[in-house]
Amino acid sequence: MARTARSWDPGWIHHVDARAHCGAPIFATDEGRAFVVARAARVFAEVGIVCLGWAVLVNHCHLLLRCPASPGATTNEPTARRASHSQRLDVTTF
């Protein structure tokens, strides 16, 4: 059963994590992890998301994010679209 959509309200703090199936690595190189950190910083700055903390490991990552305070400043869809428009990474799962 699919999980219901979570609220993405202005000012709320969210813990976001991503991991591969069965602990498989999602990043093949340190450069891949560095690219994700740099890309996330740029996208977050564009849409006004504040990253309070992060950890990007070989097989998973964690982000602690605060949504913009102004209503309608961002939504998941445009943020995900901005994050996905990039060159191909040297990763094992993507």
Protein backbone atom coordinates (compact mmCIF):
# COMPACT_ATOMS: atom_id res chain seq x y z
CA MET A 1 0.00 0.00 0.00
CA ALA A 2 1.33 3.43 -0.92
CA ARG A 3 2.11 5.92 1.81
CA THR A 4 -0.14 8.97 1.97
CA ALA A 5 1.31 12.32 0.93
CA ARG A 6 2.98 14.22 3.71
CA SER A 7 2.28 17.85 4.44
CA TRP A 8 4.88 20.31 3.13
CA ASP A 9 3.82 23.41 5.02
CA PRO A 10 5.83 26.64 5.32
CA GLY A 11 8.12 26.74 8.33
CA TRP A 12 7.89 23.04 9.13
CA ILE A 13 11.04 20.99 9.63
CA HIS A 14 11.30 17.71 7.72
CA HIS A 15 13.68 14.79 8.00
CA VAL A 16 14.25 13.39 4.52
CA ASP A 17 16.15 10.19 3.91
CA ALA A 18 16.91 8.14 0.83
CA ARG A 19 18.47 4.72 0.61
CA ALA A 20 18.97 1.87 -1.81
CA HIS A 21 17.38 -1.55 -1.53
CA CYS A 22 19.13 -3.96 0.86
CA GLY A 23 21.85 -1.45 1.76
CA ALA A 24 23.28 -1.36 -1.75
CA PRO A 25 25.53 1.62 -2.50
CA ILE A 26 23.89 4.55 -4.30
CA PHE A 27 27.07 6.55 -4.89
CA ALA A 28 30.04 5.05 -6.69
CA THR A 29 32.53 7.82 -5.88
CA ASP A 30 33.22 10.66 -3.47
CA GLU A 31 32.75 13.00 -6.43
CA GLY A 32 29.18 11.70 -6.84
CA ARG A 33 28.42 12.51 -3.21
CA ALA A 34 30.05 15.94 -3.53
CA PHE A 35 27.96 16.64 -6.63
CA VAL A 36 24.74 15.81 -4.79
CA VAL A 37 25.67 18.11 -1.89
CA ALA A 38 26.53 20.99 -4.26
CA ARG A 39 23.42 20.47 -6.37
CA ALA A 40 21.17 20.31 -3.30
CA ALA A 41 22.69 23.54 -1.96
CA ARG A 42 21.97 25.30 -5.26
CA VAL A 43 18.39 24.01 -5.55
CA PHE A 44 17.62 24.79 -1.91
CA ALA A 45 18.90 28.36 -2.37
CA GLU A 46 16.74 28.79 -5.50
CA VAL A 47 13.52 27.75 -3.78
CA GLY A 48 14.23 29.04 -0.27
CA ILE A 49 14.59 25.73 1.57
CA VAL A 50 16.95 25.89 4.55
CA CYS A 51 19.11 22.82 5.12
CA LEU A 52 19.66 22.52 8.87
CA GLY A 53 21.80 19.39 8.61
CA TRP A 54 22.81 16.64 6.23
CA ALA A 55 24.72 13.39 5.92
CA VAL A 56 25.49 11.78 2.56
CA LEU A 57 26.92 8.29 2.92
CA VAL A 58 27.71 5.57 0.39
CA ASN A 59 24.37 3.76 0.72
CA HIS A 60 22.00 6.43 2.08
CA CYS A 61 21.56 10.10 2.90
CA HIS A 62 19.71 12.23 5.45
CA LEU A 63 18.57 15.85 5.19
CA LEU A 64 17.00 18.06 7.85
CA LEU A 65 15.09 20.78 5.97
CA ARG A 66 12.92 23.78 6.80
CA CYS A 67 10.34 24.86 4.22
CA PRO A 68 10.15 28.51 3.16
CA ALA A 69 8.07 30.75 5.41
CA SER A 70 6.19 32.46 2.58
CA PRO A 71 3.09 30.56 1.40
CA GLY A 72 3.37 29.16 -2.10
CA ALA A 73 7.13 29.77 -2.31
CA THR A 74 7.82 26.18 -3.27
CA THR A 75 6.26 22.78 -3.81
CA ASN A 76 7.72 19.33 -4.07
CA GLU A 77 7.19 19.05 -7.82
CA PRO A 78 9.25 22.06 -9.00
CA THR A 79 11.96 21.30 -6.42
CA ALA A 80 12.23 17.70 -7.59
CA ARG A 81 12.28 18.85 -11.22
CA ARG A 82 15.12 21.32 -10.55
CA ALA A 83 17.09 18.69 -8.66
CA SER A 84 16.72 16.11 -11.43
CA HIS A 85 17.83 18.35 -14.33
CA SER A 86 21.53 17.65 -14.33
CA GLN A 87 24.20 15.69 -16.06
CA ARG A 88 24.48 11.97 -15.43
CA LEU A 89 26.38 11.06 -12.29
CA ASP A 90 28.77 8.20 -11.73
CA VAL A 91 26.37 6.36 -9.44
CA THR A 92 25.52 2.72 -9.18
CA THR A 93 21.74 2.88 -8.74
CA PHE A 94 20.42 5.99 -10.50
